[in-house]
Amino acid sequence: MLDQDVLQNSHEAGVGGLESEILNGFVSFIKSIYKCQKKGKDPKEVLKHTAIATLKGGVRSYGIAFGGSLLGGMMHNNANQFIQNLSNGSIPTMVVGVGVGSCEILIKYFRGKINSVECLEKLGEKTPNF
């Protein structure tokens, strides 16, 4: 059973992940201004692309941080001492991150954006990150 503290801590971790993505979005915004000035790109399209990428990244960052913290809290409350010890490091967040990355690749495969060879190659690239 989850207690309120685990959920609150997970939310706070998610907000922390979101804050870092907002900083990345600001850097992307500055790069977008450069593209508009130096390369003659359409400002509306560049800023639209930047905003969408920042929002997607923010949702992804929040989800991974929230999920990792939630999994860590659940592992910490487990009766098994070994599982409790695993919860103290970054393993829960790594598990969630690899899971999200693998799901993104599988979604591309099932939507027909990549073939089976590319799918397996990309999954093979994700696995060593774990």
Foldseek 3Di string as FASTA:
>chain_A
DDDPVLQVVLQVQLVVLLVVLVVVLVVQVVVLVVCCPPVVDDSVVSVVVSVVVSVVSSVLSSVLSSQLSNCLVVQCPDPDVVSNVVSVDSVSSLVSNLVVQLVVLVVCDVVPVDDPVVSVVSNVVSVVSD
